[in-house]
Amino acid sequence: MSGIPDVRDGLTHEERVVLWLLHVIQRERGGRNVPTAMLWGRVCEHFYISPEELSAMLARLGARGPATHDTRADEPAP
């Protein structure tokens, strides 16, 4: 049942959990980018998803940066 998109916005329960956790972690990090591995660990506390499936979901949701992500964005400003 949880794989069925909600009629209100088209999100599945799993997608909603991922977006909620992404929001929570981003707030904890002071608005900085959230490493996928950190998000994956938190998501797996709610349901299992492979790292590849999570990456695909993030890409579908538009919550994933380009493949050539600039890692300097995760570093604090001087």
C-alpha atoms as a PDB file:
ATOM      1  CA  MET A   1       0.000   0.000   0.000  1.00  0.00           C
ATOM      2  CA  SER A   2       2.845   2.424   0.772  1.00  0.00           C
ATOM      3  CA  GLY A   3       4.113   2.278  -2.831  1.00  0.00           C
ATOM      4  CA  ILE A   4       0.958   3.977  -4.091  1.00  0.00           C
ATOM      5  CA  PRO A   5       1.332   7.731  -4.696  1.00  0.00           C
ATOM      6  CA  ASP A   6      -0.899  10.038  -2.669  1.00  0.00           C
ATOM      7  CA  VAL A   7      -3.553  11.749  -4.793  1.00  0.00           C
ATOM      8  CA  ARG A   8      -2.803  15.147  -3.217  1.00  0.00           C
ATOM      9  CA  ASP A   9       0.785  15.471  -4.416  1.00  0.00           C
ATOM     10  CA  GLY A  10       1.832  12.213  -6.075  1.00  0.00           C
ATOM     11  CA  LEU A  11       4.387  11.310  -3.379  1.00  0.00           C
ATOM     12  CA  THR A  12       4.640   7.829  -1.917  1.00  0.00           C
ATOM     13  CA  HIS A  13       5.024   7.315   1.820  1.00  0.00           C
ATOM     14  CA  GLU A  14       8.717   6.498   1.322  1.00  0.00           C
ATOM     15  CA  GLU A  15       9.330   9.661  -0.718  1.00  0.00           C
ATOM     16  CA  ARG A  16       7.600  11.725   1.949  1.00  0.00           C
ATOM     17  CA  VAL A  17       9.829  10.204   4.669  1.00  0.00           C
ATOM     18  CA  VAL A  18      12.965  10.914   2.609  1.00  0.00           C
ATOM     19  CA  LEU A  19      11.996  14.551   2.031  1.00  0.00           C
ATOM     20  CA  TRP A  20      11.077  15.027   5.694  1.00  0.00           C
ATOM     21  CA  LEU A  21      14.407  13.573   6.864  1.00  0.00           C
ATOM     22  CA  LEU A  22      16.280  15.643   4.305  1.00  0.00           C
ATOM     23  CA  HIS A  23      14.633  18.747   5.773  1.00  0.00           C
ATOM     24  CA  VAL A  24      15.376  17.725   9.374  1.00  0.00           C
ATOM     25  CA  ILE A  25      19.046  16.947   8.701  1.00  0.00           C
ATOM     26  CA  GLN A  26      19.544  20.114   6.690  1.00  0.00           C
ATOM     27  CA  ARG A  27      18.200  22.162   9.612  1.00  0.00           C
ATOM     28  CA  GLU A  28      20.530  20.287  12.001  1.00  0.00           C
ATOM     29  CA  ARG A  29      23.459  21.171   9.720  1.00  0.00           C
ATOM     30  CA  GLY A  30      22.602  24.869   9.668  1.00  0.00           C
ATOM     31  CA  GLY A  31      21.241  24.811   6.130  1.00  0.00           C
ATOM     32  CA  ARG A  32      24.272  23.105   4.606  1.00  0.00           C
ATOM     33  CA  ASN A  33      24.051  20.277   2.072  1.00  0.00           C
ATOM     34  CA  VAL A  34      23.235  16.818   3.407  1.00  0.00           C
ATOM     35  CA  PRO A  35      25.608  13.993   2.461  1.00  0.00           C
ATOM     36  CA  THR A  36      23.693  11.138   0.847  1.00  0.00           C
ATOM     37  CA  ALA A  37      25.323   8.603   3.187  1.00  0.00           C
ATOM     38  CA  MET A  38      24.036  10.517   6.228  1.00  0.00           C
ATOM     39  CA  LEU A  39      20.539  10.677   4.761  1.00  0.00           C
ATOM     40  CA  TRP A  40      20.653   6.968   3.854  1.00  0.00           C
ATOM     41  CA  GLY A  41      21.527   6.027   7.439  1.00  0.00           C
ATOM     42  CA  ARG A  42      18.576   7.967   8.787  1.00  0.00           C
ATOM     43  CA  VAL A  43      16.183   6.649   6.125  1.00  0.00           C
ATOM     44  CA  CYS A  44      17.142   3.061   6.966  1.00  0.00           C
ATOM     45  CA  GLU A  45      15.912   3.694  10.519  1.00  0.00           C
ATOM     46  CA  HIS A  46      12.416   3.957   8.979  1.00  0.00           C
ATOM     47  CA  PHE A  47      12.569   1.516   6.044  1.00  0.00           C
ATOM     48  CA  TYR A  48      15.247  -0.256   4.042  1.00  0.00           C
ATOM     49  CA  ILE A  49      16.313   1.197   0.729  1.00  0.00           C
ATOM     50  CA  SER A  50      19.533   0.475  -1.124  1.00  0.00           C
ATOM     51  CA  PRO A  51      21.930   3.385  -1.643  1.00  0.00           C
ATOM     52  CA  GLU A  52      21.313   3.156  -5.403  1.00  0.00           C
ATOM     53  CA  GLU A  53      17.540   3.298  -4.937  1.00  0.00           C
ATOM     54  CA  LEU A  54      17.891   6.318  -2.644  1.00  0.00           C
ATOM     55  CA  SER A  55      20.079   8.110  -5.199  1.00  0.00           C
ATOM     56  CA  ALA A  56      17.515   7.390  -7.926  1.00  0.00           C
ATOM     57  CA  MET A  57      14.694   8.643  -5.689  1.00  0.00           C
ATOM     58  CA  LEU A  58      16.603  11.849  -4.890  1.00  0.00           C
ATOM     59  CA  ALA A  59      17.207  12.424  -8.592  1.00  0.00           C
ATOM     60  CA  ARG A  60      13.483  11.906  -9.341  1.00  0.00           C
ATOM     61  CA  LEU A  61      12.528  14.327  -6.587  1.00  0.00           C
ATOM     62  CA  GLY A  62      15.040  16.906  -7.763  1.00  0.00           C
ATOM     63  CA  ALA A  63      16.824  16.841  -4.412  1.00  0.00           C
ATOM     64  CA  ARG A  64      20.157  15.710  -5.765  1.00  0.00           C
ATOM     65  CA  GLY A  65      22.842  17.958  -7.119  1.00  0.00           C
ATOM     66  CA  PRO A  66      24.787  17.286 -10.302  1.00  0.00           C
ATOM     67  CA  ALA A  67      27.073  14.250 -10.459  1.00  0.00           C
ATOM     68  CA  THR A  68      30.084  16.566 -10.431  1.00  0.00           C
ATOM     69  CA  HIS A  69      29.148  17.940  -7.007  1.00  0.00           C
ATOM     70  CA  ASP A  70      31.538  20.580  -5.709  1.00  0.00           C
ATOM     71  CA  THR A  71      32.561  19.215  -2.293  1.00  0.00           C
ATOM     72  CA  ARG A  72      33.749  22.655  -1.197  1.00  0.00           C
ATOM     73  CA  ALA A  73      30.081  23.596  -0.706  1.00  0.00           C
ATOM     74  CA  ASP A  74      30.051  21.291   2.374  1.00  0.00           C
ATOM     75  CA  GLU A  75      32.986  23.110   3.983  1.00  0.00           C
ATOM     76  CA  PRO A  76      32.422  26.015   6.346  1.00  0.00           C
ATOM     77  CA  ALA A  77      33.197  29.465   5.013  1.00  0.00           C
ATOM     78  CA  PRO A  78      36.466  31.009   6.281  1.00  0.00           C
END
